[in-house]
């Protein structure tokens, strides 16, 4: 009909919010964020118009949000896999060490008939297993000359065995 439309005649909620926000370049309508841009436009002398473009922020960042969610899911999956691998690695390392600790405790109590330790891929654990086996063999050789019960009694007392003795007068 040729009549000029003013900002008060526009029923669009985003346009009304744009003007209510003081023609800001960012504003929110019903929880959705919008971008806005304006430019001066003068078609004739004395006419001062402004042209505005208003668009939901999701039009520009929607795909980025999807990519960010995807990256977050992939990161979470990688984290879960890393934790599972770390637990498996820790178990693989800990089991031979637990066995080695038990066997060393047995040797410390002068019980020399231990079990064969499981093979380990870790050089340090293998070296400790070999050293324990040599210790067991050496103590078994020593046990030929000293009764087991005496050695266990010394170990149970917590005292260090030393050469020496005491003189006592006794009646037999």
N, C-alpha and C. Protein backbone atom coordinates (compact mmCIF):
# COMPACT_ATOMS: atom_id res chain seq x y z
N UNK A 1 0.82 -1.20 0.00
CA UNK A 1 0.00 0.00 0.00
C UNK A 1 0.86 1.25 0.00
N UNK A 2 2.20 1.12 0.09
CA UNK A 2 3.09 2.27 -0.05
C UNK A 2 3.35 3.04 1.23
N UNK A 3 2.82 2.59 2.37
CA UNK A 3 3.08 3.31 3.62
C UNK A 3 4.41 2.86 4.21
N UNK A 4 5.08 3.76 4.82
CA UNK A 4 6.39 3.51 5.43
C UNK A 4 6.18 2.81 6.77
N UNK A 5 6.94 1.74 6.98
CA UNK A 5 6.85 0.97 8.23
C UNK A 5 7.89 1.50 9.20
N UNK A 6 7.49 1.73 10.42
CA UNK A 6 8.44 2.19 11.45
C UNK A 6 8.77 1.01 12.37
N UNK A 7 9.72 1.24 13.26
CA UNK A 7 10.12 0.15 14.17
C UNK A 7 8.98 -0.26 15.08
N UNK A 8 8.06 0.63 15.38
CA UNK A 8 6.91 0.30 16.24
C UNK A 8 5.89 -0.58 15.53
N UNK A 9 5.93 -0.61 14.19
CA UNK A 9 4.97 -1.40 13.43
C UNK A 9 5.43 -2.85 13.23
N UNK A 10 6.66 -3.16 13.57
CA UNK A 10 7.22 -4.50 13.32
C UNK A 10 6.85 -5.42 14.48
N UNK A 11 6.33 -6.59 14.16
CA UNK A 11 5.85 -7.52 15.18
C UNK A 11 6.88 -8.61 15.51
N UNK A 12 7.95 -8.71 14.75
CA UNK A 12 8.96 -9.75 14.98
C UNK A 12 9.64 -9.53 16.35
N UNK A 13 9.68 -10.61 17.19
CA UNK A 13 10.23 -10.49 18.55
C UNK A 13 11.71 -10.14 18.53
N UNK A 14 12.46 -10.67 17.55
CA UNK A 14 13.89 -10.39 17.49
C UNK A 14 14.15 -8.92 17.16
N UNK A 15 13.36 -8.36 16.25
CA UNK A 15 13.53 -6.95 15.89
C UNK A 15 13.15 -6.07 17.07
N UNK A 16 12.06 -6.38 17.75
CA UNK A 16 11.65 -5.60 18.92
C UNK A 16 12.74 -5.65 20.01
N UNK A 17 13.31 -6.84 20.23
CA UNK A 17 14.37 -6.98 21.24
C UNK A 17 15.61 -6.20 20.82
N UNK A 18 15.89 -6.16 19.54
CA UNK A 18 17.03 -5.39 19.03
C UNK A 18 16.88 -3.93 19.40
N UNK A 19 15.72 -3.37 19.13
CA UNK A 19 15.51 -1.96 19.46
C UNK A 19 15.44 -1.76 20.97
N UNK A 20 14.86 -2.71 21.70
CA UNK A 20 14.78 -2.59 23.16
C UNK A 20 16.17 -2.63 23.79
N UNK A 21 17.11 -3.31 23.13
CA UNK A 21 18.49 -3.39 23.63
C UNK A 21 19.30 -2.19 23.19
N UNK A 22 18.66 -1.20 22.61
CA UNK A 22 19.38 0.00 22.18
C UNK A 22 20.20 -0.21 20.94
N UNK A 23 19.69 -1.03 20.03
CA UNK A 23 20.37 -1.35 18.78
C UNK A 23 21.76 -1.94 19.03
N UNK A 24 21.84 -2.81 20.04
CA UNK A 24 23.10 -3.46 20.38
C UNK A 24 23.45 -4.51 19.32
N UNK A 25 24.74 -4.83 19.22
CA UNK A 25 25.14 -5.81 18.21
C UNK A 25 24.94 -7.25 18.70
N UNK A 26 24.63 -7.44 20.00
CA UNK A 26 24.30 -8.75 20.55
C UNK A 26 23.18 -8.59 21.56
N UNK A 27 22.21 -9.47 21.49
CA UNK A 27 21.10 -9.43 22.44
C UNK A 27 20.46 -10.81 22.49
N UNK A 28 19.56 -10.98 23.47
CA UNK A 28 18.93 -12.29 23.69
C UNK A 28 17.42 -12.16 23.64
N UNK A 29 16.80 -13.13 22.97
CA UNK A 29 15.34 -13.18 22.91
C UNK A 29 14.92 -14.60 23.27
N UNK A 30 14.15 -14.75 24.33
CA UNK A 30 13.65 -16.06 24.73
C UNK A 30 14.75 -17.09 24.93
N UNK A 31 15.87 -16.69 25.46
CA UNK A 31 16.97 -17.60 25.72
C UNK A 31 17.87 -17.84 24.52
N UNK A 32 17.52 -17.32 23.35
CA UNK A 32 18.35 -17.50 22.16
C UNK A 32 19.11 -16.20 21.89
N UNK A 33 20.42 -16.35 21.63
CA UNK A 33 21.25 -15.16 21.39
C UNK A 33 21.22 -14.79 19.91
N UNK A 34 21.27 -13.48 19.66
CA UNK A 34 21.23 -12.95 18.29
C UNK A 34 22.41 -12.01 18.07
N UNK A 35 22.82 -11.94 16.80
CA UNK A 35 23.78 -10.94 16.33
C UNK A 35 23.02 -9.93 15.50
N UNK A 36 23.50 -8.67 15.54
CA UNK A 36 22.89 -7.63 14.71
C UNK A 36 23.98 -6.72 14.17
N UNK A 37 23.75 -6.21 12.97
CA UNK A 37 24.67 -5.24 12.37
C UNK A 37 23.83 -4.20 11.64
N UNK A 38 24.23 -2.94 11.73
CA UNK A 38 23.49 -1.86 11.05
C UNK A 38 24.44 -1.01 10.23
N UNK A 39 23.88 -0.42 9.19
CA UNK A 39 24.63 0.51 8.33
C UNK A 39 23.70 1.67 7.96
N UNK A 40 24.29 2.85 7.86
CA UNK A 40 23.51 4.02 7.42
C UNK A 40 23.26 3.91 5.92
N UNK A 41 22.08 4.37 5.52
CA UNK A 41 21.70 4.30 4.11
C UNK A 41 20.93 5.59 3.80
N UNK A 42 21.43 6.35 2.85
CA UNK A 42 20.77 7.61 2.49
C UNK A 42 20.43 7.59 1.00
N UNK A 43 19.21 7.15 0.66
CA UNK A 43 18.83 7.06 -0.74
C UNK A 43 18.62 8.43 -1.38
N UNK A 44 18.26 9.44 -0.61
CA UNK A 44 17.99 10.80 -1.10
C UNK A 44 18.47 11.80 -0.07
N UNK A 45 18.56 13.05 -0.54
CA UNK A 45 18.87 14.13 0.39
C UNK A 45 17.76 14.23 1.42
N UNK A 46 18.13 14.28 2.68
CA UNK A 46 17.14 14.43 3.73
C UNK A 46 16.59 13.13 4.25
N UNK A 47 16.84 12.00 3.58
CA UNK A 47 16.39 10.70 4.09
C UNK A 47 17.58 10.01 4.77
N UNK A 48 17.40 9.72 6.02
CA UNK A 48 18.46 9.06 6.80
C UNK A 48 17.91 7.75 7.32
N UNK A 49 18.19 6.70 6.59
CA UNK A 49 17.72 5.38 6.98
C UNK A 49 18.88 4.57 7.54
N UNK A 50 18.50 3.54 8.28
CA UNK A 50 19.50 2.57 8.75
C UNK A 50 19.01 1.19 8.33
N UNK A 51 19.90 0.41 7.77
CA UNK A 51 19.59 -0.95 7.36
C UNK A 51 20.19 -1.88 8.42
N UNK A 52 19.38 -2.80 8.93
CA UNK A 52 19.84 -3.72 9.98
C UNK A 52 19.68 -5.16 9.51
N UNK A 53 20.66 -5.98 9.89
CA UNK A 53 20.59 -7.43 9.64
C UNK A 53 20.65 -8.11 11.01
N UNK A 54 19.67 -8.96 11.27
CA UNK A 54 19.59 -9.65 12.56
C UNK A 54 19.52 -11.15 12.27
N UNK A 55 20.37 -11.92 12.98
CA UNK A 55 20.39 -13.38 12.77
C UNK A 55 20.69 -14.09 14.09
N UNK A 56 20.10 -15.25 14.27
CA UNK A 56 20.42 -16.03 15.47
C UNK A 56 21.89 -16.44 15.48
N UNK A 57 22.50 -16.40 16.65
CA UNK A 57 23.91 -16.78 16.78
C UNK A 57 24.13 -18.22 16.32
N UNK A 58 23.14 -19.07 16.53
CA UNK A 58 23.25 -20.49 16.14
C UNK A 58 23.45 -20.65 14.63
N UNK A 59 22.98 -19.69 13.83
CA UNK A 59 23.21 -19.77 12.39
C UNK A 59 24.70 -19.74 12.07
N UNK A 60 25.49 -19.09 12.92
CA UNK A 60 26.93 -18.96 12.67
C UNK A 60 27.74 -19.98 13.46
N UNK A 61 27.26 -20.30 14.65
CA UNK A 61 28.06 -21.17 15.53
C UNK A 61 27.47 -22.55 15.72
N UNK A 62 26.35 -22.84 15.13
CA UNK A 62 25.70 -24.14 15.31
C UNK A 62 26.60 -25.31 14.96
N UNK A 63 27.29 -25.23 13.83
CA UNK A 63 28.17 -26.33 13.44
C UNK A 63 29.37 -26.41 14.38
N UNK A 64 29.82 -25.26 14.89
CA UNK A 64 30.93 -25.27 15.83
C UNK A 64 30.53 -25.96 17.13
N UNK A 65 29.30 -25.71 17.56
CA UNK A 65 28.80 -26.38 18.77
C UNK A 65 28.77 -27.89 18.58
N UNK A 66 28.33 -28.34 17.41
CA UNK A 66 28.31 -29.77 17.13
C UNK A 66 29.73 -30.34 17.11
N UNK A 67 30.65 -29.61 16.50
CA UNK A 67 32.05 -30.06 16.44
C UNK A 67 32.63 -30.10 17.86
N UNK A 68 32.32 -29.08 18.66
CA UNK A 68 32.83 -29.05 20.04
C UNK A 68 32.28 -30.22 20.85
N UNK A 69 31.00 -30.52 20.69
CA UNK A 69 30.43 -31.67 21.39
C UNK A 69 31.08 -32.97 20.92
N UNK A 70 31.31 -33.08 19.61
CA UNK A 70 31.98 -34.27 19.08
C UNK A 70 33.39 -34.40 19.62
N UNK A 71 34.11 -33.29 19.65
CA UNK A 71 35.48 -33.30 20.19
C UNK A 71 35.48 -33.67 21.67
N UNK A 72 34.50 -33.18 22.39
CA UNK A 72 34.38 -33.51 23.81
C UNK A 72 34.12 -35.01 23.99
N UNK A 73 33.25 -35.57 23.18
CA UNK A 73 32.97 -37.01 23.26
C UNK A 73 34.20 -37.84 22.92
N UNK A 74 34.91 -37.43 21.86
CA UNK A 74 36.13 -38.15 21.48
C UNK A 74 37.17 -38.04 22.59
N UNK A 75 37.31 -36.85 23.17
CA UNK A 75 38.27 -36.67 24.27
C UNK A 75 37.91 -37.55 25.46
N UNK A 76 36.63 -37.62 25.78
CA UNK A 76 36.18 -38.46 26.88
C UNK A 76 36.49 -39.93 26.59
N UNK A 77 36.22 -40.36 25.36
CA UNK A 77 36.49 -41.75 24.98
C UNK A 77 37.99 -42.05 25.08
N UNK A 78 38.82 -41.12 24.61
CA UNK A 78 40.28 -41.31 24.70
C UNK A 78 40.71 -41.37 26.16
N UNK A 79 40.12 -40.55 27.00
CA UNK A 79 40.45 -40.56 28.42
C UNK A 79 40.07 -41.90 29.06
N UNK A 80 38.91 -42.42 28.73
CA UNK A 80 38.48 -43.72 29.27
C UNK A 80 39.44 -44.81 28.82
N UNK A 81 39.80 -44.82 27.55
CA UNK A 81 40.74 -45.82 27.04
C UNK A 81 42.10 -45.67 27.73
N UNK A 82 42.56 -44.44 27.92
CA UNK A 82 43.84 -44.20 28.58
C UNK A 82 43.82 -44.71 30.02
N UNK A 83 42.72 -44.50 30.73
CA UNK A 83 42.62 -44.99 32.10
C UNK A 83 42.64 -46.51 32.11
N UNK A 84 41.93 -47.16 31.19
CA UNK A 84 41.91 -48.62 31.13
C UNK A 84 43.31 -49.15 30.83
N UNK A 85 44.01 -48.53 29.88
CA UNK A 85 45.37 -48.95 29.56
C UNK A 85 46.29 -48.74 30.76
N UNK A 86 46.15 -47.63 31.46
CA UNK A 86 46.99 -47.35 32.63
C UNK A 86 46.74 -48.38 33.73
N UNK A 87 45.48 -48.74 33.94
CA UNK A 87 45.16 -49.75 34.96
C UNK A 87 45.75 -51.10 34.56
N UNK A 88 45.62 -51.46 33.29
CA UNK A 88 46.18 -52.74 32.82
C UNK A 88 47.70 -52.75 32.97
N UNK A 89 48.34 -51.64 32.63
CA UNK A 89 49.80 -51.55 32.76
C UNK A 89 50.20 -51.63 34.23
N UNK A 90 49.47 -50.95 35.09
CA UNK A 90 49.80 -50.96 36.52
C UNK A 90 49.65 -52.37 37.09
N UNK A 91 48.60 -53.08 36.68
CA UNK A 91 48.42 -54.46 37.15
C UNK A 91 49.55 -55.35 36.65
N UNK A 92 49.92 -55.15 35.39
CA UNK A 92 51.00 -55.97 34.82
C UNK A 92 52.31 -55.73 35.56
N UNK A 93 52.52 -54.52 36.02
CA UNK A 93 53.73 -54.18 36.77
C UNK A 93 53.61 -54.62 38.23
N UNK A 94 52.42 -54.47 38.82
CA UNK A 94 52.26 -54.71 40.25
C UNK A 94 52.23 -56.19 40.61
N UNK A 95 51.63 -57.03 39.80
CA UNK A 95 51.52 -58.44 40.16
C UNK A 95 52.87 -59.11 40.41
N UNK A 96 53.86 -58.94 39.53
CA UNK A 96 55.17 -59.54 39.84
C UNK A 96 55.81 -58.92 41.09
N UNK A 97 55.56 -57.65 41.33
CA UNK A 97 56.14 -57.00 42.52
C UNK A 97 55.49 -57.53 43.79
N UNK A 98 54.18 -57.77 43.76
CA UNK A 98 53.49 -58.32 44.92
C UNK A 98 54.01 -59.73 45.20
N UNK A 99 54.16 -60.53 44.16
CA UNK A 99 54.70 -61.88 44.33
C UNK A 99 56.11 -61.82 44.91
N UNK A 100 56.92 -60.93 44.38
CA UNK A 100 58.30 -60.77 44.85
C UNK A 100 58.32 -60.36 46.32
N UNK A 101 57.45 -59.46 46.72
CA UNK A 101 57.39 -59.02 48.12
C UNK A 101 57.00 -60.18 49.03
N UNK A 102 56.02 -61.00 48.60
CA UNK A 102 55.62 -62.17 49.40
C UNK A 102 56.79 -63.16 49.56
N UNK A 103 57.48 -63.40 48.46
CA UNK A 103 58.60 -64.35 48.51
C UNK A 103 59.73 -63.81 49.38
N UNK A 104 59.99 -62.52 49.32
CA UNK A 104 61.04 -61.94 50.17
C UNK A 104 60.65 -62.04 51.64
N UNK A 105 59.37 -61.87 51.93
CA UNK A 105 58.90 -62.02 53.31
C UNK A 105 59.11 -63.47 53.78
N UNK A 106 58.84 -64.42 52.90
CA UNK A 106 59.07 -65.83 53.24
C UNK A 106 60.54 -66.08 53.54
N UNK A 107 61.43 -65.56 52.72
CA UNK A 107 62.87 -65.72 52.94
C UNK A 107 63.27 -65.04 54.24
N UNK A 108 62.68 -63.86 54.50
CA UNK A 108 62.98 -63.15 55.74
C UNK A 108 62.60 -63.94 56.97
N UNK A 109 61.64 -64.86 56.84
CA UNK A 109 61.24 -65.72 57.96
C UNK A 109 61.94 -67.09 57.88
N UNK A 110 62.91 -67.17 57.00
CA UNK A 110 63.75 -68.35 56.82
C UNK A 110 62.94 -69.55 56.35
N UNK A 111 61.92 -69.29 55.57
CA UNK A 111 61.19 -70.36 54.88
C UNK A 111 61.70 -70.31 53.43
N UNK A 112 62.54 -71.26 53.10
CA UNK A 112 63.31 -71.17 51.86
C UNK A 112 62.69 -71.92 50.69
N UNK A 113 61.62 -72.64 50.90
CA UNK A 113 61.00 -73.42 49.83
C UNK A 113 59.93 -72.56 49.15
N UNK A 114 60.34 -71.59 48.38
CA UNK A 114 59.38 -70.70 47.72
C UNK A 114 58.96 -71.22 46.36
N UNK A 115 58.08 -70.48 45.73
CA UNK A 115 57.61 -70.84 44.40
C UNK A 115 58.42 -70.07 43.36
N UNK A 116 58.42 -70.60 42.17
CA UNK A 116 59.11 -69.94 41.06
C UNK A 116 58.36 -68.65 40.72
N UNK A 117 59.06 -67.53 40.68
CA UNK A 117 58.37 -66.27 40.39
C UNK A 117 57.92 -66.22 38.93
N UNK A 118 56.82 -65.53 38.66
CA UNK A 118 56.39 -65.39 37.27
C UNK A 118 57.39 -64.54 36.49
N UNK A 119 57.55 -64.87 35.24
CA UNK A 119 58.47 -64.09 34.39
C UNK A 119 57.91 -62.68 34.21
N UNK A 120 58.81 -61.74 34.11
CA UNK A 120 58.40 -60.35 33.94
C UNK A 120 59.11 -59.77 32.72
N UNK A 121 58.43 -58.90 32.03
CA UNK A 121 59.05 -58.22 30.88
C UNK A 121 59.94 -57.08 31.33
N UNK A 122 59.85 -56.72 32.60
CA UNK A 122 60.62 -55.60 33.11
C UNK A 122 61.95 -56.11 33.64
N UNK A 123 63.02 -55.58 33.11
CA UNK A 123 64.36 -56.04 33.45
C UNK A 123 64.63 -55.92 34.95
N UNK A 124 64.23 -54.84 35.55
CA UNK A 124 64.50 -54.61 36.96
C UNK A 124 63.83 -55.67 37.83
N UNK A 125 62.60 -56.05 37.49
CA UNK A 125 61.91 -57.08 38.27
C UNK A 125 62.59 -58.43 38.07
N UNK A 126 63.02 -58.72 36.85
CA UNK A 126 63.74 -59.97 36.60
C UNK A 126 65.05 -60.01 37.40
N UNK A 127 65.76 -58.88 37.47
CA UNK A 127 67.00 -58.82 38.25
C UNK A 127 66.71 -59.08 39.73
N UNK A 128 65.62 -58.54 40.23
CA UNK A 128 65.25 -58.76 41.63
C UNK A 128 64.87 -60.23 41.85
N UNK A 129 64.19 -60.85 40.91
CA UNK A 129 63.84 -62.27 41.02
C UNK A 129 65.10 -63.13 41.07
N UNK A 130 66.06 -62.83 40.22
CA UNK A 130 67.32 -63.59 40.21
C UNK A 130 68.08 -63.42 41.52
N UNK A 131 68.11 -62.18 42.03
CA UNK A 131 68.80 -61.92 43.29
C UNK A 131 68.12 -62.68 44.43
N UNK A 132 66.80 -62.75 44.42
CA UNK A 132 66.07 -63.49 45.44
C UNK A 132 66.40 -64.98 45.35
N UNK A 133 66.47 -65.51 44.14
CA UNK A 133 66.79 -66.93 43.96
C UNK A 133 68.20 -67.22 44.49
N UNK A 134 69.16 -66.32 44.21
CA UNK A 134 70.53 -66.50 44.73
C UNK A 134 70.54 -66.43 46.26
N UNK A 135 69.77 -65.52 46.82
CA UNK A 135 69.70 -65.38 48.27
C UNK A 135 69.13 -66.66 48.89
N UNK A 136 68.10 -67.21 48.27
CA UNK A 136 67.48 -68.43 48.77
C UNK A 136 68.50 -69.58 48.74
N UNK A 137 69.26 -69.68 47.64
CA UNK A 137 70.27 -70.74 47.51
C UNK A 137 71.36 -70.57 48.56
N UNK A 138 71.82 -69.36 48.77
CA UNK A 138 72.87 -69.09 49.76
C UNK A 138 72.40 -69.43 51.17
N UNK A 139 71.18 -69.03 51.49
CA UNK A 139 70.65 -69.31 52.82
C UNK A 139 70.42 -70.81 53.01
N UNK A 140 70.04 -71.50 51.96
CA UNK A 140 69.86 -72.95 52.05
C UNK A 140 71.20 -73.62 52.35
N UNK A 141 72.28 -73.12 51.77
CA UNK A 141 73.61 -73.65 52.07
C UNK A 141 73.98 -73.38 53.53
N UNK A 142 73.65 -72.21 54.02
CA UNK A 142 73.92 -71.83 55.40
C UNK A 142 73.11 -72.71 56.36
N UNK A 143 71.89 -73.07 55.95
CA UNK A 143 71.00 -73.85 56.79
C UNK A 143 71.53 -75.26 57.04
N UNK A 144 72.47 -75.71 56.24
CA UNK A 144 73.08 -77.02 56.46
C UNK A 144 73.83 -77.03 57.79
N UNK A 145 74.41 -75.88 58.19
CA UNK A 145 75.25 -75.79 59.39
C UNK A 145 74.52 -75.27 60.62
N UNK A 146 73.40 -74.59 60.43
CA UNK A 146 72.68 -73.99 61.57
C UNK A 146 71.24 -74.49 61.52
N UNK A 147 70.73 -74.95 62.63
CA UNK A 147 69.35 -75.44 62.64
C UNK A 147 68.34 -74.33 62.28
N UNK A 148 67.34 -74.71 61.51
CA UNK A 148 66.30 -73.75 61.06
C UNK A 148 65.61 -73.09 62.25
N UNK A 149 65.29 -73.89 63.26
CA UNK A 149 64.57 -73.34 64.41
C UNK A 149 65.38 -72.26 65.13
N UNK A 150 66.69 -72.44 65.19
CA UNK A 150 67.55 -71.44 65.83
C UNK A 150 67.54 -70.15 65.04
N UNK A 151 67.65 -70.26 63.74
CA UNK A 151 67.64 -69.06 62.88
C UNK A 151 66.29 -68.36 62.99
N UNK A 152 65.22 -69.12 63.01
CA UNK A 152 63.88 -68.51 63.13
C UNK A 152 63.72 -67.82 64.48
N UNK A 153 64.27 -68.41 65.54
CA UNK A 153 64.18 -67.80 66.87
C UNK A 153 64.95 -66.47 66.90
N UNK A 154 66.12 -66.45 66.26
CA UNK A 154 66.89 -65.20 66.20
C UNK A 154 66.13 -64.16 65.39
N UNK A 155 65.55 -64.57 64.27
CA UNK A 155 64.78 -63.63 63.45
C UNK A 155 63.56 -63.12 64.21
N UNK A 156 62.90 -64.00 64.95
CA UNK A 156 61.69 -63.61 65.69
C UNK A 156 62.03 -62.64 66.82
N UNK A 157 63.23 -62.75 67.40
CA UNK A 157 63.60 -61.87 68.51
C UNK A 157 63.82 -60.43 68.03
N UNK A 158 64.13 -60.27 66.76
CA UNK A 158 64.38 -58.94 66.23
C UNK A 158 65.77 -58.42 66.54
N UNK A 159 66.56 -59.22 67.24
CA UNK A 159 67.92 -58.81 67.59
C UNK A 159 68.87 -59.26 66.49
N UNK A 160 69.97 -58.55 66.41
CA UNK A 160 70.99 -58.90 65.43
C UNK A 160 71.86 -60.01 66.02
N UNK A 161 72.10 -61.05 65.24
CA UNK A 161 72.95 -62.16 65.71
C UNK A 161 74.40 -61.71 65.70
N UNK A 162 75.08 -61.91 66.83
CA UNK A 162 76.49 -61.53 66.94
C UNK A 162 77.26 -62.68 67.57
N UNK A 163 78.55 -62.76 67.23
CA UNK A 163 79.41 -63.75 67.87
C UNK A 163 79.67 -63.32 69.30
N UNK A 164 79.79 -64.27 70.17
CA UNK A 164 80.06 -63.94 71.58
C UNK A 164 79.35 -64.92 72.46
N UNK A 165 79.24 -64.60 73.67
CA UNK A 165 78.57 -65.48 74.60
C UNK A 165 78.61 -64.91 75.98
N UNK A 166 78.13 -65.67 76.93
CA UNK A 166 78.16 -65.25 78.33
C UNK A 166 78.62 -66.43 79.16
N UNK A 167 79.23 -66.13 80.26
CA UNK A 167 79.68 -67.17 81.17
C UNK A 167 78.71 -67.21 82.34
N UNK A 168 78.26 -68.45 82.70
CA UNK A 168 77.34 -68.61 83.81
C UNK A 168 77.76 -69.83 84.60
N UNK A 169 77.49 -69.78 85.86
CA UNK A 169 77.73 -70.92 86.69
C UNK A 169 76.44 -71.68 86.82
N UNK A 170 76.48 -72.95 86.47
CA UNK A 170 75.29 -73.78 86.54
C UNK A 170 75.63 -75.10 87.23
N UNK A 171 74.61 -75.77 87.70
CA UNK A 171 74.78 -77.09 88.32
C UNK A 171 74.07 -78.10 87.45
N UNK A 172 74.75 -79.17 87.17
CA UNK A 172 74.15 -80.21 86.34
C UNK A 172 74.01 -81.48 87.16
